Protein backbone atom coordinates (compact mmCIF):
# COMPACT_ATOMS: atom_id res chain seq x y z
CA UNK A 1 134.74 122.36 109.73
CA UNK A 2 136.00 119.10 111.18
CA UNK A 3 134.73 116.28 113.34
CA UNK A 4 137.25 114.50 115.55
CA UNK A 5 136.71 110.95 116.79
CA UNK A 6 139.17 109.67 119.37
CA UNK A 7 140.94 106.57 118.11
CA UNK A 8 139.73 107.17 114.55
CA UNK A 9 140.81 110.66 113.47
CA UNK A 10 142.66 111.93 116.56
CA UNK A 11 144.45 110.33 119.49
CA UNK A 12 143.15 110.71 123.03
CA UNK A 13 146.05 112.77 124.41
CA UNK A 14 145.98 115.27 121.56
CA UNK A 15 142.19 115.66 121.80
CA UNK A 16 142.39 116.20 125.56
CA UNK A 17 145.19 118.77 125.21
CA UNK A 18 143.42 120.74 122.49
CA UNK A 19 140.19 120.75 124.50
CA UNK A 20 142.11 122.04 127.54
CA UNK A 21 143.63 124.87 125.45
CA UNK A 22 140.25 125.82 123.96
CA UNK A 23 140.90 124.72 120.37
CA UNK A 24 138.42 121.83 120.52
CA UNK A 25 135.05 121.39 122.22
CA UNK A 26 134.04 117.99 123.58
CA UNK A 27 130.45 117.12 122.61
CA UNK A 28 130.51 113.80 124.43
CA UNK A 29 133.12 111.24 125.34
CA UNK A 30 135.35 110.63 122.30
CA UNK A 31 133.68 113.23 120.04
CA UNK A 32 135.13 116.72 119.48
CA UNK A 33 134.69 119.64 117.08
CA UNK A 34 136.70 122.79 116.46
CA UNK A 35 135.78 125.51 118.94
CA UNK A 36 134.64 127.95 116.23
CA UNK A 37 132.58 125.41 114.24
CA UNK A 38 128.80 125.09 114.10
CA UNK A 39 128.43 121.91 116.16
CA UNK A 40 124.77 121.38 115.25
CA UNK A 41 125.51 121.47 111.54
CA UNK A 42 128.47 119.14 111.97
CA UNK A 43 126.61 116.45 113.90
CA UNK A 44 123.78 116.42 111.34
CA UNK A 45 126.20 116.20 108.42
CA UNK A 46 128.23 113.41 110.04
CA UNK A 47 125.29 111.70 111.78
CA UNK A 48 125.95 108.26 110.27
CA UNK A 49 129.69 108.46 110.89
CA UNK A 50 129.01 109.36 114.54
CA UNK A 51 126.50 106.51 114.87
CA UNK A 52 128.95 104.01 113.38
CA UNK A 53 131.65 105.25 115.81
CA UNK A 54 129.43 105.03 118.88
CA UNK A 55 127.61 101.83 117.94
CA UNK A 56 129.77 99.80 115.53
CA UNK A 57 127.47 96.75 115.72
CA UNK A 58 124.29 98.64 114.84
CA UNK A 59 122.72 99.13 111.43
CA UNK A 60 120.54 101.80 109.85
CA UNK A 61 116.87 100.93 109.90
CA UNK A 62 113.40 102.35 109.29
CA UNK A 63 113.37 105.84 107.70
CA UNK A 64 117.14 106.23 108.02
CA UNK A 65 117.67 103.12 105.87
CA UNK A 66 115.57 104.85 103.22
CA UNK A 67 117.10 108.30 103.55
CA UNK A 68 120.66 107.14 104.37
CA UNK A 69 120.70 109.92 106.91
CA UNK A 70 118.68 111.52 109.70
CA UNK A 71 115.09 112.65 109.25
CA UNK A 72 114.19 116.32 108.85
CA UNK A 73 113.64 116.63 112.62
CA UNK A 74 117.12 115.33 113.35
CA UNK A 75 116.50 111.68 114.26
CA UNK A 76 118.68 108.80 113.07
CA UNK A 77 117.19 105.31 113.43
CA UNK A 78 119.35 102.31 114.25
CA UNK A 79 118.76 98.72 115.32
CA UNK A 80 121.01 96.67 117.57
CA UNK A 81 120.76 94.40 120.60
CA UNK A 82 118.81 96.79 122.89
CA UNK A 83 116.68 99.93 122.99
CA UNK A 84 118.57 103.15 123.60
CA UNK A 85 118.42 106.89 122.88
CA UNK A 86 121.33 109.31 122.51
CA UNK A 87 120.87 113.07 122.10
CA UNK A 88 123.81 114.99 120.70
CA UNK A 89 122.98 118.65 120.05
CA UNK A 90 120.39 118.71 117.23
CA UNK A 91 120.82 114.97 116.52
CA UNK A 92 118.95 112.19 118.29
CA UNK A 93 120.05 108.61 117.69
CA UNK A 94 117.12 106.27 118.31
CA UNK A 95 117.86 102.56 118.61
CA UNK A 96 115.47 99.66 118.92
CA UNK A 97 116.07 95.99 119.51
CA UNK A 98 117.04 94.19 116.33
CA UNK A 99 115.36 90.93 115.28
CA UNK A 100 117.26 87.69 115.84
CA UNK A 101 117.82 87.09 112.13
CA UNK A 102 118.00 90.47 110.42
CA UNK A 103 118.15 90.81 106.66
CA UNK A 104 120.77 93.42 105.86
CA UNK A 105 122.32 95.17 102.93
CA UNK A 106 125.35 97.44 102.59
CA UNK A 107 125.14 101.12 101.65
CA UNK A 108 127.90 103.58 100.74
CA UNK A 109 127.75 107.03 102.33
CA UNK A 110 129.85 110.13 101.71
CA UNK A 111 129.43 112.88 104.32
CA UNK A 112 132.13 115.18 102.95
CA UNK A 113 134.92 113.42 104.83
CA UNK A 114 135.21 110.46 102.48
CA UNK A 115 133.18 107.40 101.55
CA UNK A 116 132.45 104.60 103.98
CA UNK A 117 130.05 101.68 104.11
CA UNK A 118 127.29 101.06 106.63
CA UNK A 119 124.94 98.07 107.07
CA UNK A 120 121.24 98.87 106.58
CA UNK A 121 117.94 97.02 106.71
CA UNK A 122 117.12 95.26 103.45
CA UNK A 123 114.06 96.30 101.45
CA UNK A 124 112.09 93.35 102.86
CA UNK A 125 113.02 94.09 106.46
CA UNK A 126 112.31 97.80 106.01
CA UNK A 127 108.78 96.97 104.89
CA UNK A 128 108.21 94.77 107.94
CA UNK A 129 109.64 97.50 110.19
CA UNK A 130 106.93 99.82 108.86
CA UNK A 131 104.24 97.61 110.44
CA UNK A 132 105.69 97.11 113.90
CA UNK A 133 103.20 97.92 116.67
CA UNK A 134 103.85 100.97 118.86
CA UNK A 135 107.24 101.44 117.29
CA UNK A 136 108.92 104.81 116.84
CA UNK A 137 110.85 103.26 113.97
CA UNK A 138 107.59 102.28 112.25
CA UNK A 139 106.19 105.79 112.75
CA UNK A 140 109.23 107.25 110.99
CA UNK A 141 108.22 105.53 107.73
CA UNK A 142 105.50 107.80 106.33
CA UNK A 143 102.82 106.79 103.83
CA UNK A 144 104.88 107.87 100.82
CA UNK A 145 107.91 105.83 101.98
CA UNK A 146 105.70 102.81 102.65
CA UNK A 147 104.12 103.03 99.19
CA UNK A 148 107.53 103.40 97.51
CA UNK A 149 108.94 100.35 99.36
CA UNK A 150 105.86 98.29 98.39
CA UNK A 151 106.25 99.30 94.72
CA UNK A 152 109.94 98.35 94.81
CA UNK A 153 109.11 94.91 96.28
CA UNK A 154 106.40 94.25 93.69
CA UNK A 155 108.87 95.19 90.95
CA UNK A 156 111.55 92.86 92.35
CA UNK A 157 109.25 89.87 92.93
CA UNK A 158 107.09 90.38 89.81
CA UNK A 159 103.73 90.54 91.64
CA UNK A 160 102.10 91.51 94.94
CA UNK A 161 101.77 87.79 95.76
CA UNK A 162 105.44 87.16 95.12
CA UNK A 163 106.38 90.16 97.27
CA UNK A 164 104.09 88.97 100.09
CA UNK A 165 105.63 85.47 99.99
CA UNK A 166 109.14 86.96 100.22
CA UNK A 167 108.06 89.15 103.14
CA UNK A 168 106.54 86.17 104.95
CA UNK A 169 109.77 84.18 104.68
CA UNK A 170 111.62 86.87 106.64
CA UNK A 171 108.72 87.43 109.05
CA UNK A 172 108.62 83.76 110.05
CA UNK A 173 112.40 83.67 110.65
CA UNK A 174 112.02 86.47 113.20
CA UNK A 175 108.58 85.54 114.55
CA UNK A 176 107.17 88.84 113.29
CA UNK A 177 103.80 87.28 112.51
CA UNK A 178 101.62 90.34 113.08
CA UNK A 179 103.97 92.45 110.99
CA UNK A 180 103.87 89.83 108.22
CA UNK A 181 100.06 89.79 108.25
CA UNK A 182 99.83 93.59 108.10
CA UNK A 183 102.42 93.79 105.33
CA UNK A 184 100.60 91.11 103.31
CA UNK A 185 97.28 92.94 103.65
CA UNK A 186 98.90 96.14 102.45
CA UNK A 187 100.36 94.43 99.38
CA UNK A 188 97.27 92.41 98.48
CA UNK A 189 94.33 94.70 99.25
CA UNK A 190 93.11 97.82 97.56
CA UNK A 191 92.99 100.89 99.84
CA UNK A 192 89.60 101.41 101.46
CA UNK A 193 88.36 104.86 102.38
CA UNK A 194 88.55 105.34 106.13
CA UNK A 195 85.50 106.22 108.21
CA UNK A 196 86.07 109.27 110.37
CA UNK A 197 85.82 108.88 114.14
CA UNK A 198 84.01 111.90 115.53
CA UNK A 199 85.92 111.51 118.81
CA UNK A 200 89.19 112.19 116.98
CA UNK A 201 91.10 115.37 117.84
CA UNK A 202 93.57 117.41 115.82
CA UNK A 203 95.42 120.15 117.69
CA UNK A 204 97.67 122.78 116.18
CA UNK A 205 100.79 123.21 118.30
CA UNK A 206 102.46 126.60 117.96
CA UNK A 207 105.68 128.02 119.36
CA UNK A 208 105.76 131.80 119.74
CA UNK A 209 102.57 131.88 117.68
CA UNK A 210 103.98 129.93 114.71
CA UNK A 211 102.59 126.41 114.06
CA UNK A 212 105.26 123.73 114.39
CA UNK A 213 103.14 120.59 114.13
CA UNK A 214 99.88 118.71 114.66
CA UNK A 215 99.07 116.68 117.74
CA UNK A 216 96.24 114.29 116.91
CA UNK A 217 94.31 111.62 118.75
CA UNK A 218 92.31 109.03 116.82
CA UNK A 219 90.33 107.88 119.84
CA UNK A 220 93.01 105.35 120.77
CA UNK A 221 96.46 106.95 120.75
CA UNK A 222 98.37 110.17 120.18
CA UNK A 223 100.34 111.04 117.05
CA UNK A 224 102.76 113.92 116.61
CA UNK A 225 103.45 115.19 113.10
CA UNK A 226 105.84 118.14 112.72
CA UNK A 227 105.10 120.64 109.96
CA UNK A 228 107.51 122.55 107.74
CA UNK A 229 108.96 125.08 110.16
CA UNK A 230 111.99 127.35 109.83
CA UNK A 231 113.36 126.54 113.24
CA UNK A 232 114.96 123.80 115.34
CA UNK A 233 112.99 120.65 116.22
CA UNK A 234 111.51 121.18 119.67
CA UNK A 235 109.01 118.35 120.20
CA UNK A 236 109.75 114.65 119.72
CA UNK A 237 107.40 111.72 120.20
CA UNK A 238 109.66 109.17 121.86
CA UNK A 239 106.99 106.58 122.72
CA UNK A 240 104.60 105.81 119.84
CA UNK A 241 101.00 106.44 120.80
CA UNK A 242 101.94 108.53 123.84
CA UNK A 243 102.12 112.28 124.28
CA UNK A 244 105.60 113.64 123.53
CA UNK A 245 107.56 114.22 126.79
CA UNK A 246 107.88 117.94 126.07
CA UNK A 247 104.07 118.27 125.96
CA UNK A 248 103.69 116.14 129.10
CA UNK A 249 106.09 118.46 130.93
CA UNK A 250 103.72 121.38 130.27
CA UNK A 251 100.59 119.76 131.68
CA UNK A 252 99.16 120.72 135.09
CA UNK A 253 100.08 118.73 138.18
CA UNK A 254 99.04 118.66 141.81
CA UNK A 255 96.63 121.38 142.91
CA UNK A 256 95.86 122.66 139.40
CA UNK A 257 95.27 119.13 138.11
CA UNK A 258 92.70 118.67 140.88
CA UNK A 259 91.10 122.05 140.14
CA UNK A 260 90.66 121.32 136.44
CA UNK A 261 89.34 117.83 137.22
CA UNK A 262 89.93 116.65 133.66
CA UNK A 263 89.29 112.96 133.21
CA UNK A 264 92.17 112.39 130.77
CA UNK A 265 94.87 114.04 128.65
CA UNK A 266 92.39 114.74 125.87
CA UNK A 267 90.17 116.74 128.22
CA UNK A 268 93.17 118.55 129.70
CA UNK A 269 94.38 119.73 126.31
CA UNK A 270 90.89 120.77 125.28
CA UNK A 271 90.41 122.80 128.46
CA UNK A 272 93.44 125.02 127.93
CA UNK A 273 95.28 126.76 125.13
CA UNK A 274 98.27 128.53 126.64
CA UNK A 275 101.27 126.84 128.25
CA UNK A 276 104.75 127.67 129.46
CA UNK A 277 107.73 127.69 127.06
CA UNK A 278 105.75 129.94 124.70
CA UNK A 279 103.62 126.99 123.56
CA UNK A 280 99.99 127.23 122.48
CA UNK A 281 97.82 124.21 121.68
CA UNK A 282 94.59 125.04 119.84
CA UNK A 283 92.06 123.43 117.53
CA UNK A 284 91.93 126.21 114.90
CA UNK A 285 94.02 128.99 113.41
CA UNK A 286 91.37 131.49 114.56
CA UNK A 287 91.97 130.54 118.20
CA UNK A 288 95.72 130.88 117.71
CA UNK A 289 95.45 134.37 116.25
CA UNK A 290 93.36 135.59 119.20
CA UNK A 291 95.89 134.66 121.92
CA UNK A 292 98.30 137.24 123.36
CA UNK A 293 102.08 136.81 123.17
CA UNK A 294 104.02 136.53 126.43
CA UNK A 295 106.49 139.44 126.32
CA UNK A 296 108.21 140.91 129.37
CA UNK A 297 107.61 144.65 128.92
CA UNK A 298 107.56 145.66 132.60
CA UNK A 299 110.33 144.54 134.92
CA UNK A 300 109.55 143.55 138.49
CA UNK A 301 112.56 145.48 139.76
CA UNK A 302 110.78 148.73 138.79
CA UNK A 303 108.08 147.94 141.34
CA UNK A 304 110.01 146.34 144.17
CA UNK A 305 112.00 147.75 147.05
CA UNK A 306 114.18 145.69 149.39
CA UNK A 307 112.51 142.48 148.21
CA UNK A 308 108.92 143.79 148.54
CA UNK A 309 106.48 144.44 145.69
CA UNK A 310 105.49 148.14 145.63
CA UNK A 311 102.87 147.97 142.87
CA UNK A 312 99.17 147.17 143.11
CA UNK A 313 97.84 143.62 143.46
CA UNK A 314 94.60 143.09 141.54
CA UNK A 315 94.19 139.35 141.87
CA UNK A 316 91.97 136.96 143.79
CA UNK A 317 91.57 137.25 147.55
CA UNK A 318 89.31 135.67 150.10
CA UNK A 319 85.98 136.89 151.33
CA UNK A 320 83.85 135.43 154.07
CA UNK A 321 85.75 132.21 154.74
CA UNK A 322 89.46 131.48 154.54
CA UNK A 323 89.14 128.53 152.14
CA UNK A 324 87.47 130.70 149.52
CA UNK A 325 90.83 132.12 148.36
CA UNK A 326 91.71 128.82 146.70
CA UNK A 327 88.23 128.74 145.17
CA UNK A 328 88.66 132.28 143.85
CA UNK A 329 92.09 131.38 142.48
CA UNK A 330 90.63 128.27 140.88
CA UNK A 331 87.98 130.34 139.07
CA UNK A 332 90.55 132.01 136.86
CA UNK A 333 91.48 128.59 135.48
CA UNK A 334 87.89 128.01 134.39
CA UNK A 335 88.71 130.31 131.48
CA UNK A 336 90.48 128.45 128.65
CA UNK A 337 92.53 131.60 127.93
CA UNK A 338 94.32 131.30 131.30
CA UNK A 339 97.83 129.85 130.88
CA UNK A 340 98.33 126.37 132.36
CA UNK A 341 101.20 125.89 134.81
CA UNK A 342 103.00 122.69 135.76
CA UNK A 343 104.30 121.87 139.23
CA UNK A 344 102.59 120.66 142.40
CA UNK A 345 102.61 123.99 144.26
CA UNK A 346 99.60 126.35 144.10
CA UNK A 347 100.43 129.17 141.69
CA UNK A 348 98.78 131.58 139.28
CA UNK A 349 99.90 133.21 135.99
CA UNK A 350 100.02 137.00 136.28
CA UNK A 351 100.61 140.06 134.11
CA UNK A 352 102.58 143.07 135.38
CA UNK A 353 101.34 146.21 133.65
CA UNK A 354 103.33 149.36 132.99
CA UNK A 355 101.55 151.15 135.86
CA UNK A 356 102.62 148.48 138.36
CA UNK A 357 99.33 146.59 138.55
CA UNK A 358 99.68 142.83 138.66
CA UNK A 359 96.58 140.87 137.66
CA UNK A 360 95.65 137.37 136.42
CA UNK A 361 96.71 136.56 132.85
CA UNK A 362 93.20 136.02 131.50
CA UNK A 363 93.45 137.27 127.93
CA UNK A 364 96.70 139.03 128.86
CA UNK A 365 100.37 138.09 128.57
CA UNK A 366 101.81 135.90 131.32
CA UNK A 367 104.94 137.68 132.55
CA UNK A 368 105.06 136.70 136.22
CA UNK A 369 103.97 133.82 138.45
CA UNK A 370 102.26 134.26 141.81
CA UNK A 371 103.01 131.68 144.50
CA UNK A 372 100.64 132.13 147.47
CA UNK A 373 101.13 130.60 150.89
CA UNK A 374 100.13 127.00 151.36
CA UNK A 375 97.99 125.47 154.06
CA UNK A 376 98.61 122.77 156.65
CA UNK A 377 101.81 124.30 158.01
CA UNK A 378 103.10 125.70 154.72
CA UNK A 379 102.07 129.35 155.17
CA UNK A 380 105.80 130.22 155.37
CA UNK A 381 106.56 128.69 151.96
CA UNK A 382 106.72 132.02 150.01
CA UNK A 383 109.03 133.53 152.66
CA UNK A 384 111.34 130.52 152.66
CA UNK A 385 111.46 130.44 148.87
CA UNK A 386 112.18 134.19 148.76
CA UNK A 387 115.07 133.68 151.16
CA UNK A 388 116.40 130.71 149.15
CA UNK A 389 116.19 132.54 145.83
CA UNK A 390 117.79 135.66 147.30
CA UNK A 391 120.54 133.55 148.84
CA UNK A 392 121.15 131.76 145.55
CA UNK A 393 121.48 135.03 143.64
CA UNK A 394 123.83 136.41 146.33
CA UNK A 395 125.94 133.25 146.04
CA UNK A 396 126.47 133.83 142.31
CA UNK A 397 123.78 131.59 140.81
CA UNK A 398 121.68 133.01 137.99
CA UNK A 399 118.17 133.54 139.32
CA UNK A 400 115.03 135.44 138.27
CA UNK A 401 113.85 138.57 140.08
CA UNK A 402 111.49 137.79 142.93
CA UNK A 403 109.54 139.92 145.40
CA UNK A 404 107.26 139.27 148.34
CA UNK A 405 103.79 140.67 147.87
CA UNK A 406 101.36 141.65 150.62
CA UNK A 407 98.04 139.91 150.06
CA UNK A 408 94.54 141.22 150.80
CA UNK A 409 92.15 140.00 153.49
CA UNK A 410 94.92 139.43 156.05
CA UNK A 411 96.32 136.50 154.05
CA UNK A 412 99.99 135.51 154.42
CA UNK A 413 102.43 137.13 151.95
CA UNK A 414 102.87 135.55 148.51
CA UNK A 415 105.91 135.37 146.22
CA UNK A 416 105.95 137.01 142.78
CA UNK A 417 108.48 135.52 140.33
CA UNK A 418 109.52 137.07 137.02
CA UNK A 419 109.62 134.73 134.02
CA UNK A 420 112.99 134.27 132.32
CA UNK A 421 111.82 132.11 129.41
CA UNK A 422 109.95 134.75 127.39
CA UNK A 423 110.89 137.53 124.98
CA UNK A 424 111.96 140.83 126.52
CA UNK A 425 110.62 143.36 123.99
CA UNK A 426 108.39 143.58 120.93
CA UNK A 427 111.57 143.71 118.80
CA UNK A 428 112.94 140.53 120.38
CA UNK A 429 112.57 137.80 117.73
CA UNK A 430 114.31 134.98 119.59
CA UNK A 431 112.63 131.61 120.01
CA UNK A 432 112.84 130.48 123.64
CA UNK A 433 111.88 127.20 125.27
CA UNK A 434 112.38 125.79 128.74
CA UNK A 435 112.84 122.00 128.70
CA UNK A 436 112.98 120.31 132.08
CA UNK A 437 115.14 117.24 132.63
CA UNK A 438 112.11 114.92 132.67
CA UNK A 439 111.51 115.92 129.07
CA UNK A 440 115.22 115.78 128.17
CA UNK A 441 115.43 112.22 129.52
CA UNK A 442 112.06 111.21 128.04
CA UNK A 443 110.52 110.49 131.46
CA UNK A 444 107.04 111.20 132.79
CA UNK A 445 106.45 113.62 135.66
CA UNK A 446 105.87 110.63 137.94
CA UNK A 447 109.50 109.63 137.38
CA UNK A 448 110.96 113.00 138.41
CA UNK A 449 112.86 111.39 141.30
CA UNK A 450 114.07 108.41 139.23
CA UNK A 451 117.55 109.60 138.26
CA UNK A 452 120.89 110.66 139.66
CA UNK A 453 122.95 113.83 139.32
CA UNK A 454 125.43 111.82 137.24
CA UNK A 455 122.68 110.92 134.79
CA UNK A 456 121.65 114.58 134.60
CA UNK A 457 125.25 115.56 133.84
CA UNK A 458 125.49 112.93 131.09
CA UNK A 459 122.31 114.30 129.53
CA UNK A 460 123.45 117.92 129.67
CA UNK A 461 126.93 117.54 128.15
CA UNK A 462 125.96 116.55 124.58
CA UNK A 463 123.17 119.17 124.43
CA UNK A 464 124.76 122.24 126.03
CA UNK A 465 126.45 124.86 123.89
CA UNK A 466 128.90 125.47 126.78
CA UNK A 467 129.05 122.09 128.43
CA UNK A 468 131.90 122.62 130.89
CA UNK A 469 130.31 125.80 132.26
CA UNK A 470 126.95 124.09 132.59
CA UNK A 471 128.41 121.04 134.34
CA UNK A 472 130.11 123.41 136.80
CA UNK A 473 126.74 125.14 137.27
CA UNK A 474 125.16 121.75 137.94
CA UNK A 475 127.80 120.99 140.58
CA UNK A 476 127.09 124.36 142.24
CA UNK A 477 123.34 123.85 142.02
CA UNK A 478 123.70 120.46 143.71
CA UNK A 479 125.89 121.95 146.43
CA UNK A 480 123.46 124.84 146.94
CA UNK A 481 120.56 122.38 147.28
CA UNK A 482 122.54 120.45 149.90
CA UNK A 483 123.52 123.56 151.86
CA UNK A 484 119.94 124.92 152.08
CA UNK A 485 118.47 121.41 152.65
CA UNK A 486 116.39 121.48 149.46
CA UNK A 487 114.94 117.98 149.17
CA UNK A 488 112.87 118.88 146.14
CA UNK A 489 115.49 119.54 143.46
CA UNK A 490 114.12 116.82 141.19
CA UNK A 491 114.15 116.50 137.40
CA UNK A 492 111.31 118.98 136.89
CA UNK A 493 113.17 121.60 138.92
CA UNK A 494 116.22 121.38 136.66
CA UNK A 495 115.94 122.55 133.07
CA UNK A 496 117.70 123.69 129.92
CA UNK A 497 116.91 127.12 128.49
CA UNK A 498 117.02 126.71 124.71
CA UNK A 499 117.25 129.77 122.46
CA UNK A 500 117.22 129.97 118.66
CA UNK A 501 117.48 132.96 116.39
CA UNK A 502 114.54 133.46 114.03
CA UNK A 503 115.07 131.44 110.84
CA UNK A 504 117.85 129.22 112.23
CA UNK A 505 117.35 125.45 112.15
CA UNK A 506 119.31 124.85 115.36
CA UNK A 507 119.54 126.39 118.81
CA UNK A 508 122.22 129.06 119.14
CA UNK A 509 122.21 128.62 122.92
CA UNK A 510 121.35 125.62 125.09
CA UNK A 511 122.30 126.36 128.69
CA UNK A 512 121.33 125.42 132.22
CA UNK A 513 118.27 127.44 133.17
CA UNK A 514 118.46 129.89 136.09
CA UNK A 515 117.61 128.73 139.60
CA UNK A 516 113.89 128.25 140.24
CA UNK A 517 111.59 126.55 142.77
CA UNK A 518 114.40 126.46 145.34
CA UNK A 519 113.26 125.98 148.93
CA UNK A 520 114.53 124.51 152.19
CA UNK A 521 112.20 121.56 152.72
CA UNK A 522 113.58 120.55 156.14
CA UNK A 523 111.98 123.55 157.88
CA UNK A 524 108.46 122.30 157.21
CA UNK A 525 106.32 119.83 159.19
CA UNK A 526 106.99 116.17 158.47
CA UNK A 527 110.04 117.02 156.33
CA UNK A 528 112.68 117.47 159.05
CA UNK A 529 114.57 114.43 157.78
CA UNK A 530 114.16 115.18 154.08
CA UNK A 531 117.04 114.04 151.86
CA UNK A 532 118.31 115.11 148.45
CA UNK A 533 115.81 114.35 145.69
CA UNK A 534 118.49 113.00 143.33
CA UNK A 535 121.41 110.95 144.59
CA UNK A 536 124.94 112.17 144.02
CA UNK A 537 127.85 109.72 144.10
CA UNK A 538 125.33 107.19 145.44
CA UNK A 539 124.40 109.38 148.43
CA UNK A 540 121.43 111.58 149.29
CA UNK A 541 122.52 112.75 152.76
CA UNK A 542 125.69 113.71 154.66
CA UNK A 543 127.35 114.93 151.47
CA UNK A 544 131.03 115.83 151.48
CA UNK A 545 133.49 117.51 149.11
CA UNK A 546 134.55 114.08 147.79
CA UNK A 547 131.02 113.51 146.50
CA UNK A 548 131.04 116.69 144.43
CA UNK A 549 134.52 115.94 143.17
CA UNK A 550 133.27 112.53 142.06
CA UNK A 551 130.32 114.12 140.23
CA UNK A 552 132.65 116.53 138.42
CA UNK A 553 135.11 113.79 137.45
CA UNK A 554 132.30 111.54 136.24
CA UNK A 555 131.07 114.44 134.06
CA UNK A 556 134.50 115.05 132.52
CA UNK A 557 135.59 118.10 134.55
CA UNK A 558 138.94 118.72 136.22
CA UNK A 559 138.78 118.21 139.98
CA UNK A 560 140.60 121.53 140.41
CA UNK A 561 137.81 123.34 138.57
CA UNK A 562 135.19 121.66 140.75
CA UNK A 563 137.12 122.56 143.91
CA UNK A 564 137.34 126.19 142.83
CA UNK A 565 133.60 126.30 142.12
CA UNK A 566 132.79 124.67 145.47
CA UNK A 567 135.09 127.01 147.39
CA UNK A 568 133.63 130.06 145.66
CA UNK A 569 130.06 129.06 146.45
CA UNK A 570 130.90 128.27 150.08
CA UNK A 571 132.58 131.65 150.51
CA UNK A 572 129.73 133.60 148.92
CA UNK A 573 127.09 131.61 150.81
CA UNK A 574 128.78 132.18 154.17
CA UNK A 575 128.75 135.93 153.59
CA UNK A 576 125.22 136.03 152.18
CA UNK A 577 123.67 134.03 155.04
CA UNK A 578 124.71 136.78 157.48
CA UNK A 579 123.27 139.57 155.30
CA UNK A 580 119.86 138.15 154.46
CA UNK A 581 116.85 139.09 156.58
CA UNK A 582 113.13 139.16 155.90
CA UNK A 583 111.92 142.61 154.78
CA UNK A 584 110.49 144.66 157.62
CA UNK A 585 107.52 145.71 155.47
CA UNK A 586 106.26 142.14 155.17
CA UNK A 587 103.98 140.86 157.90
CA UNK A 588 104.66 137.33 159.05
CA UNK A 589 103.66 135.02 161.81
CA UNK A 590 106.07 133.86 164.47
CA UNK A 591 106.17 130.43 162.82
CA UNK A 592 106.94 131.90 159.41
CA UNK A 593 109.80 133.98 160.78
CA UNK A 594 111.14 130.93 162.60
CA UNK A 595 111.09 128.87 159.39
CA UNK A 596 113.38 131.35 157.63
CA UNK A 597 115.64 131.58 160.68
CA UNK A 598 115.83 127.78 160.80
CA UNK A 599 116.75 127.66 157.12
CA UNK A 600 119.60 130.14 157.59
CA UNK A 601 120.87 128.20 160.59
CA UNK A 602 120.85 124.97 158.57
CA UNK A 603 122.97 126.79 155.98
CA UNK A 604 125.47 127.95 158.62
CA UNK A 605 125.75 124.48 160.10
CA UNK A 606 126.28 122.78 156.75
CA UNK A 607 128.78 125.38 155.52
CA UNK A 608 130.80 125.02 158.74
CA UNK A 609 130.71 121.21 158.62
CA UNK A 610 131.52 120.89 154.90
CA UNK A 611 134.87 119.24 154.20
């Protein structure tokens, strides 16, 4: 098992040639491993060597200065001139801004490829780092580490007072006055028993029914503490005091957020237990044991014909007034056992039974998602999304099974979507998670438009277990979004599907997730001039082949490979556009039929004009 660093252990030309011939795999620019090696194990073993290669002017700090390596959840802490995060498979390098006058020492590390030295925070600086406010580095130093550092300082300086004076000298040099005060109090005062705040919360977070950590709130801020778990780290708290991005990505948005009417994140998490990505968040083990597992035992294709659901719908409808459908749909969310869904669009978690009945997932597994028609000119949304998803599958993109479903009470048709992020049988022991790009990039849902396709590609490469294939998929997904005029392919509509085998401490597969939430936005009122959600080569409209070539080149792909992918998608799309038609069995209004026809015409026009 070998790690190759361009300019250090291998020259650039040789690395490039061996990657082209399949002998090496590029993890990120300048870093390669043998194609048959376990990349996750390699990057953890050589974490410090990789960090020194990428950031030669940085030094180990916080918990990593104590451990001389990454933490158990795969994070390596550095300090240098600015804040930065780098994810590389199961390793995350977390950097914060170094003080102006750091106190450093030198450590010797041997990672199996020989000894080398690395600068690290001194004992005094490490202790001050433990008291920084809202610092991820400070949070990495647990109570045992803090106590051990304090004992070592007292031993070196002969007394708590002497240790405090030495700490203050360094604190004043760097203007870390609050840190110096907190460190002095710790050294000089006896511990006082804390008084419990009855407003405090302590949630158990489980993945596939197995606890993986505690999410607590002390009345002021959130804290994430992973537990001993025989699996890969899934959740990371990137901003001290804030909810981890992965948890934020699961929370309700839009219509459901309004329905729940929770006043804050605490109330939201208390009002629900079940979330996507096989996550449950509960307050007791008893609650956890009572919740059903999401397992796909009945396939939608068994109960669909020519794109139409042939089973029995047993969900909410409307009664005396049209608006009551949304009220009836909202009632199922009043039950804490109903899975919470993210995304702005109205949708409901459903369970498809063996007899073909689809009903709300209240106390039942969530295997499918119902997307009813919208209001205010969006009654055609399910039909347009069905056409987009069907077109994407026909054009060679991986996509879940979908079917249009006739709704009761003369309501417009809805779309039923099969989940692809859950286990497929009772014998399936895989651990699956869907992580959207907001979570991958550590951004909130409000920032889902604040990126570029190039930034997405840079985030995917070091995490994917087949990076070149996934970058090609990203190029095709971007082209597909342009061709169908999808102005809503933002960071929450792009995701990585992460899969681990039971008992493994790393993901065996991290790949681009199948196509989902694809829709032509330009066919709806007020969106006729909608542009791409994420810019590509600096553009969000009037895209040309050169833009997709630039994206591929920026992401480390051969232009020829990008051209072949683009040509293949254009060819398949051109043929599929002429084949697709709304199912005859589905009733639709004139406007709804026109919306789908308009979408297909947009596709024809853009395919013909693409050069």
